[in-house]
C-alpha cells in the first residue's frame, strides 16, 4: 500500500463516537423480573393483610357473641344454659380453627384441660349439675382471654 492509498483510507476514518442512547422502552429483562417480584410481594402482603383483617373480624364477632350470651342467659338465673352456651362457643372456635384434630372429640375433664385454664374446669360438669357453683365474671374473663388468643 502506498502513501496515497493510506492517506485516502485515513481520510475515511471517523473520530471516536459514543454509542446511540438506549430507548427507555422496552425495559431490560432485569427490570421485568424486578417488577414481577414486586408484584408477587405486593400480592403476598395484600393476602396476609386480608387474612389478618378476617381473623380480627372473626375474633371480634366471637367476643360480641360472648357478651350476647350474657344478655341471653343470666348466669345467676340460668347457670346451666349459660355454661352450655359458653362451652358451645368455645367448641365452635376449636372446630373452625382446627386447633388440634383430637380436640374435636374431647369432653368433660379432657375438654377443660385442653382449654388450659383452671376457670374452665366447671365446663366439665357444670352444664349438667342442678346448681353449679362458679364465678361467672371470672369464667367470662377467662373465655374472653381464650377467645382473644385462639379466636
Protein backbone atom coordinates (compact mmCIF):
# COMPACT_ATOMS: atom_id res chain seq x y z
CA UNK A 1 0.00 0.00 0.00
CA UNK A 2 1.42 3.31 -0.92
CA UNK A 3 1.16 6.53 0.99
CA UNK A 4 -1.61 7.93 -1.24
CA UNK A 5 -3.81 4.97 -0.55
CA UNK A 6 -3.02 5.18 3.15
CA UNK A 7 -3.92 8.84 3.25
CA UNK A 8 -7.21 8.15 1.45
CA UNK A 9 -8.06 5.42 3.88
CA UNK A 10 -7.18 7.64 6.85
CA UNK A 11 -9.49 10.33 5.45
CA UNK A 12 -12.38 7.84 5.57
CA UNK A 13 -11.88 7.11 9.28
CA UNK A 14 -14.10 8.98 11.70
CA UNK A 15 -13.26 10.08 15.20
CA UNK A 16 -14.35 8.05 18.25
CA UNK A 17 -18.08 8.45 18.80
CA UNK A 18 -20.48 7.40 21.60
CA UNK A 19 -22.96 4.59 21.23
CA UNK A 20 -26.52 5.65 20.46
CA UNK A 21 -28.73 6.30 23.54
CA UNK A 22 -30.75 3.34 24.70
CA UNK A 23 -34.52 3.79 24.46
CA UNK A 24 -36.43 3.79 27.76
CA UNK A 25 -38.98 1.32 26.43
CA UNK A 26 -38.98 -1.67 26.48
CA UNK A 27 -37.06 -2.09 29.72
CA UNK A 28 -34.28 -4.59 30.06
CA UNK A 29 -35.21 -8.13 31.22
CA UNK A 30 -33.86 -7.42 34.70
CA UNK A 31 -36.43 -4.66 35.20
CA UNK A 32 -39.22 -7.02 34.11
CA UNK A 33 -38.02 -9.58 36.65
CA UNK A 34 -37.86 -6.93 39.38
CA UNK A 35 -41.39 -5.75 38.52
CA UNK A 36 -42.66 -9.33 38.67
CA UNK A 37 -41.03 -9.93 42.06
CA UNK A 38 -42.50 -6.68 43.42
CA UNK A 39 -45.94 -7.68 42.13
CA UNK A 40 -45.70 -11.08 43.82
CA UNK A 41 -44.53 -9.43 47.04
CA UNK A 42 -47.41 -6.95 46.89
CA UNK A 43 -49.90 -9.78 46.38
CA UNK A 44 -48.47 -11.70 49.35
CA UNK A 45 -48.65 -8.63 51.58
CA UNK A 46 -52.25 -7.95 50.50
CA UNK A 47 -53.19 -11.58 51.13
CA UNK A 48 -51.63 -11.53 54.60
CA UNK A 49 -53.39 -8.25 55.40
CA UNK A 50 -56.70 -9.68 54.18
CA UNK A 51 -56.34 -12.81 56.31
CA UNK A 52 -55.35 -10.71 59.32
CA UNK A 53 -58.39 -8.49 58.82
CA UNK A 54 -60.70 -11.52 58.52
CA UNK A 55 -59.15 -13.08 61.64
CA UNK A 56 -59.69 -9.87 63.62
CA UNK A 57 -63.28 -9.64 62.38
CA UNK A 58 -63.97 -13.26 63.41
CA UNK A 59 -62.38 -12.65 66.80
CA UNK A 60 -64.47 -9.52 67.36
CA UNK A 61 -67.63 -11.37 66.30
CA UNK A 62 -66.90 -14.16 68.78
CA UNK A 63 -66.22 -11.69 71.58
CA UNK A 64 -69.52 -9.98 70.79
CA UNK A 65 -71.20 -13.41 70.86
CA UNK A 66 -69.75 -13.98 74.33
CA UNK A 67 -71.25 -10.70 75.54
CA UNK A 68 -74.52 -11.60 73.83
CA UNK A 69 -74.59 -14.92 75.72
CA UNK A 70 -74.55 -13.00 78.99
CA UNK A 71 -77.56 -11.00 77.78
CA UNK A 72 -79.32 -14.09 76.52
CA UNK A 73 -78.80 -16.29 79.59
CA UNK A 74 -78.36 -14.78 83.01
CA UNK A 75 -75.70 -16.87 84.80
CA UNK A 76 -77.44 -16.23 88.12
CA UNK A 77 -80.85 -17.43 86.90
CA UNK A 78 -79.88 -19.95 84.19
CA UNK A 79 -76.37 -21.16 85.08
CA UNK A 80 -76.61 -24.44 83.16
CA UNK A 81 -77.82 -22.75 79.98
CA UNK A 82 -75.12 -20.08 80.21
CA UNK A 83 -72.37 -22.64 80.84
CA UNK A 84 -73.61 -24.78 77.95
CA UNK A 85 -73.66 -21.74 75.64
CA UNK A 86 -70.11 -20.70 76.62
CA UNK A 87 -68.99 -24.29 76.17
CA UNK A 88 -70.64 -24.41 72.73
CA UNK A 89 -68.98 -21.13 71.65
CA UNK A 90 -65.53 -22.39 72.63
CA UNK A 91 -66.15 -25.72 70.91
CA UNK A 92 -67.19 -23.94 67.69
CA UNK A 93 -63.92 -22.00 67.72
CA UNK A 94 -61.93 -25.20 68.18
CA UNK A 95 -63.82 -26.88 65.35
CA UNK A 96 -63.49 -23.92 62.97
CA UNK A 97 -59.84 -23.22 63.73
CA UNK A 98 -58.90 -26.91 63.84
CA UNK A 99 -56.51 -26.12 66.70
CA UNK A 100 -55.88 -29.79 67.42
CA UNK A 101 -57.52 -32.57 65.43
CA UNK A 102 -58.08 -34.74 68.52
CA UNK A 103 -59.73 -31.82 70.36
CA UNK A 104 -62.89 -32.44 68.33
CA UNK A 105 -63.62 -35.49 70.47
CA UNK A 106 -62.77 -34.02 73.87
CA UNK A 107 -65.44 -33.75 76.51
CA UNK A 108 -65.61 -33.44 80.27
CA UNK A 109 -62.31 -33.07 82.07
CA UNK A 110 -60.30 -33.64 78.88
CA UNK A 111 -62.08 -30.68 77.29
CA UNK A 112 -61.50 -28.48 80.35
CA UNK A 113 -57.81 -29.48 80.42
CA UNK A 114 -57.46 -28.69 76.72
CA UNK A 115 -58.71 -25.16 77.34
CA UNK A 116 -55.72 -24.70 79.69
CA UNK A 117 -57.30 -22.51 82.34
CA UNK A 118 -58.49 -23.68 85.76
CA UNK A 119 -61.59 -21.49 85.38
CA UNK A 120 -62.83 -23.82 82.64
CA UNK A 121 -62.97 -26.84 84.96
CA UNK A 122 -66.65 -26.02 85.64
CA UNK A 123 -67.40 -26.70 81.96
CA UNK A 124 -66.66 -30.40 82.55
CA UNK A 125 -69.69 -30.88 84.80
CA UNK A 126 -71.45 -27.54 85.30
CA UNK A 127 -73.98 -27.70 82.48
CA UNK A 128 -75.41 -30.91 83.96
CA UNK A 129 -75.28 -30.10 87.68
CA UNK A 130 -78.51 -28.94 89.30
CA UNK A 131 -76.82 -25.92 90.95
CA UNK A 132 -73.28 -25.38 89.66
CA UNK A 133 -71.05 -23.16 91.77
CA UNK A 134 -68.81 -20.85 89.77
CA UNK A 135 -67.87 -17.21 89.38
CA UNK A 136 -69.46 -16.09 86.12
CA UNK A 137 -67.32 -12.97 85.84
CA UNK A 138 -64.07 -14.90 86.18
CA UNK A 139 -65.25 -17.56 83.75
CA UNK A 140 -66.31 -14.91 81.24
CA UNK A 141 -62.94 -13.17 81.60
CA UNK A 142 -61.15 -16.48 81.03
CA UNK A 143 -63.30 -17.17 77.98
CA UNK A 144 -62.55 -13.68 76.67
CA UNK A 145 -58.80 -14.22 77.11
CA UNK A 146 -59.04 -17.62 75.41
CA UNK A 147 -61.01 -16.18 72.50
CA UNK A 148 -58.52 -13.35 72.08
CA UNK A 149 -55.69 -15.89 71.88
CA UNK A 150 -57.36 -18.55 69.77
CA UNK A 151 -60.46 -17.00 68.25
